[in-house]
N, C-alpha and C. Protein backbone atom coordinates (compact mmCIF):
# COMPACT_ATOMS: atom_id res chain seq x y z
N MET A 1 0.85 -1.17 0.00
CA MET A 1 0.00 0.00 0.00
C MET A 1 0.90 1.24 0.00
N ARG A 2 0.54 2.18 -0.86
CA ARG A 2 1.30 3.42 -0.95
C ARG A 2 0.32 4.56 -1.25
N LEU A 3 0.45 5.64 -0.51
CA LEU A 3 -0.40 6.82 -0.72
C LEU A 3 0.47 7.97 -1.21
N HIS A 4 0.10 8.52 -2.36
CA HIS A 4 0.79 9.68 -2.91
C HIS A 4 -0.09 10.90 -2.66
N ARG A 5 0.43 11.87 -1.96
CA ARG A 5 -0.23 13.11 -1.57
C ARG A 5 -1.16 12.88 -0.38
N THR A 6 -1.56 13.95 0.23
CA THR A 6 -2.42 13.90 1.41
C THR A 6 -3.87 13.94 0.98
N ILE A 7 -4.70 13.10 1.62
CA ILE A 7 -6.12 13.12 1.28
C ILE A 7 -6.82 14.23 2.05
N SER A 8 -7.88 14.76 1.45
CA SER A 8 -8.70 15.78 2.10
C SER A 8 -10.15 15.59 1.65
N PRO A 9 -11.09 16.02 2.47
CA PRO A 9 -12.51 15.80 2.16
C PRO A 9 -13.00 16.49 0.89
N ASP A 10 -12.31 17.53 0.45
CA ASP A 10 -12.78 18.28 -0.72
C ASP A 10 -12.18 17.80 -2.04
N GLN A 11 -11.39 16.72 -2.02
CA GLN A 11 -10.80 16.18 -3.24
C GLN A 11 -11.11 14.69 -3.36
N PRO A 12 -11.31 14.21 -4.57
CA PRO A 12 -11.51 12.76 -4.74
C PRO A 12 -10.20 12.01 -4.47
N LEU A 13 -10.34 10.79 -4.01
CA LEU A 13 -9.20 9.91 -3.79
C LEU A 13 -9.20 8.88 -4.92
N LEU A 14 -8.15 8.86 -5.70
CA LEU A 14 -8.04 7.89 -6.78
C LEU A 14 -7.44 6.62 -6.22
N VAL A 15 -8.09 5.48 -6.45
CA VAL A 15 -7.65 4.20 -5.91
C VAL A 15 -7.38 3.25 -7.07
N VAL A 16 -6.15 2.74 -7.13
CA VAL A 16 -5.76 1.78 -8.17
C VAL A 16 -5.01 0.63 -7.52
N ALA A 17 -4.93 -0.47 -8.24
CA ALA A 17 -4.26 -1.65 -7.69
C ALA A 17 -2.75 -1.60 -7.88
N LEU A 18 -2.31 -1.20 -9.05
CA LEU A 18 -0.88 -1.30 -9.39
C LEU A 18 -0.28 0.05 -9.74
N GLU A 19 1.01 0.17 -9.50
CA GLU A 19 1.75 1.40 -9.81
C GLU A 19 1.63 1.76 -11.29
N GLU A 20 1.62 0.74 -12.15
CA GLU A 20 1.51 0.97 -13.59
C GLU A 20 0.20 1.68 -13.95
N GLU A 21 -0.86 1.39 -13.20
CA GLU A 21 -2.15 2.04 -13.46
C GLU A 21 -2.13 3.51 -13.05
N ALA A 22 -1.26 3.87 -12.13
CA ALA A 22 -1.21 5.22 -11.60
C ALA A 22 -0.18 6.11 -12.29
N THR A 23 0.49 5.58 -13.28
CA THR A 23 1.59 6.30 -13.93
C THR A 23 1.19 7.71 -14.36
N HIS A 24 0.06 7.85 -15.00
CA HIS A 24 -0.36 9.16 -15.52
C HIS A 24 -1.24 9.92 -14.54
N LEU A 25 -1.63 9.29 -13.45
CA LEU A 25 -2.51 9.95 -12.49
C LEU A 25 -1.76 10.88 -11.54
N HIS A 26 -0.47 10.67 -11.37
CA HIS A 26 0.31 11.48 -10.43
C HIS A 26 0.37 12.95 -10.86
N VAL A 27 0.25 13.21 -12.15
CA VAL A 27 0.32 14.58 -12.64
C VAL A 27 -0.99 15.34 -12.40
N SER A 28 -2.04 14.65 -11.99
CA SER A 28 -3.34 15.29 -11.79
C SER A 28 -3.38 16.16 -10.55
N GLY A 29 -2.46 15.96 -9.62
CA GLY A 29 -2.47 16.72 -8.38
C GLY A 29 -3.40 16.15 -7.33
N LEU A 30 -4.09 15.07 -7.65
CA LEU A 30 -5.01 14.43 -6.71
C LEU A 30 -4.29 13.33 -5.95
N PRO A 31 -4.77 13.01 -4.75
CA PRO A 31 -4.17 11.91 -4.01
C PRO A 31 -4.45 10.57 -4.70
N VAL A 32 -3.45 9.70 -4.72
CA VAL A 32 -3.57 8.39 -5.35
C VAL A 32 -3.17 7.33 -4.34
N LEU A 33 -4.05 6.36 -4.13
CA LEU A 33 -3.78 5.23 -3.25
C LEU A 33 -3.54 4.00 -4.11
N ILE A 34 -2.37 3.39 -3.94
CA ILE A 34 -2.04 2.16 -4.66
C ILE A 34 -2.18 1.02 -3.65
N THR A 35 -3.13 0.12 -3.90
CA THR A 35 -3.52 -0.87 -2.90
C THR A 35 -2.83 -2.21 -3.03
N GLY A 36 -2.38 -2.55 -4.22
CA GLY A 36 -1.92 -3.91 -4.48
C GLY A 36 -3.07 -4.69 -5.08
N ALA A 37 -2.77 -5.77 -5.74
CA ALA A 37 -3.78 -6.54 -6.46
C ALA A 37 -4.70 -7.29 -5.50
N GLY A 38 -5.96 -7.41 -5.89
CA GLY A 38 -6.92 -8.21 -5.14
C GLY A 38 -7.91 -7.39 -4.34
N LYS A 39 -9.13 -7.96 -4.18
CA LYS A 39 -10.18 -7.26 -3.46
C LYS A 39 -9.86 -7.07 -1.99
N VAL A 40 -9.24 -8.07 -1.38
CA VAL A 40 -8.93 -7.97 0.05
C VAL A 40 -7.88 -6.88 0.28
N ASN A 41 -6.83 -6.86 -0.54
CA ASN A 41 -5.82 -5.80 -0.43
C ASN A 41 -6.45 -4.43 -0.61
N ALA A 42 -7.33 -4.30 -1.58
CA ALA A 42 -7.99 -3.02 -1.83
C ALA A 42 -8.84 -2.60 -0.64
N ALA A 43 -9.62 -3.52 -0.10
CA ALA A 43 -10.49 -3.20 1.04
C ALA A 43 -9.68 -2.81 2.27
N VAL A 44 -8.64 -3.56 2.56
CA VAL A 44 -7.82 -3.28 3.74
C VAL A 44 -7.08 -1.95 3.58
N ALA A 45 -6.49 -1.72 2.42
CA ALA A 45 -5.75 -0.49 2.19
C ALA A 45 -6.65 0.73 2.26
N LEU A 46 -7.82 0.64 1.67
CA LEU A 46 -8.75 1.77 1.68
C LEU A 46 -9.27 2.03 3.09
N ALA A 47 -9.65 0.99 3.81
CA ALA A 47 -10.15 1.16 5.18
C ALA A 47 -9.06 1.74 6.08
N THR A 48 -7.84 1.26 5.94
CA THR A 48 -6.74 1.77 6.75
C THR A 48 -6.46 3.24 6.46
N THR A 49 -6.49 3.59 5.19
CA THR A 49 -6.22 4.97 4.79
C THR A 49 -7.31 5.91 5.28
N LEU A 50 -8.55 5.52 5.13
CA LEU A 50 -9.65 6.39 5.55
C LEU A 50 -9.76 6.50 7.06
N ALA A 51 -9.33 5.47 7.78
CA ALA A 51 -9.40 5.49 9.24
C ALA A 51 -8.29 6.35 9.86
N ALA A 52 -7.24 6.59 9.11
CA ALA A 52 -6.09 7.35 9.65
C ALA A 52 -6.39 8.82 9.76
């Protein structure tokens, strides 16, 4: 799990499984969460990030 940029309530959080999927998203200025492959990894990473 890797989070690029700080999340805030007024911006969408982009969630992707792999770094390759996020290659062009980093230039958007929005926070990007890379969860790793699989539904369980995605659920755990997203829950952990939102709870922090």
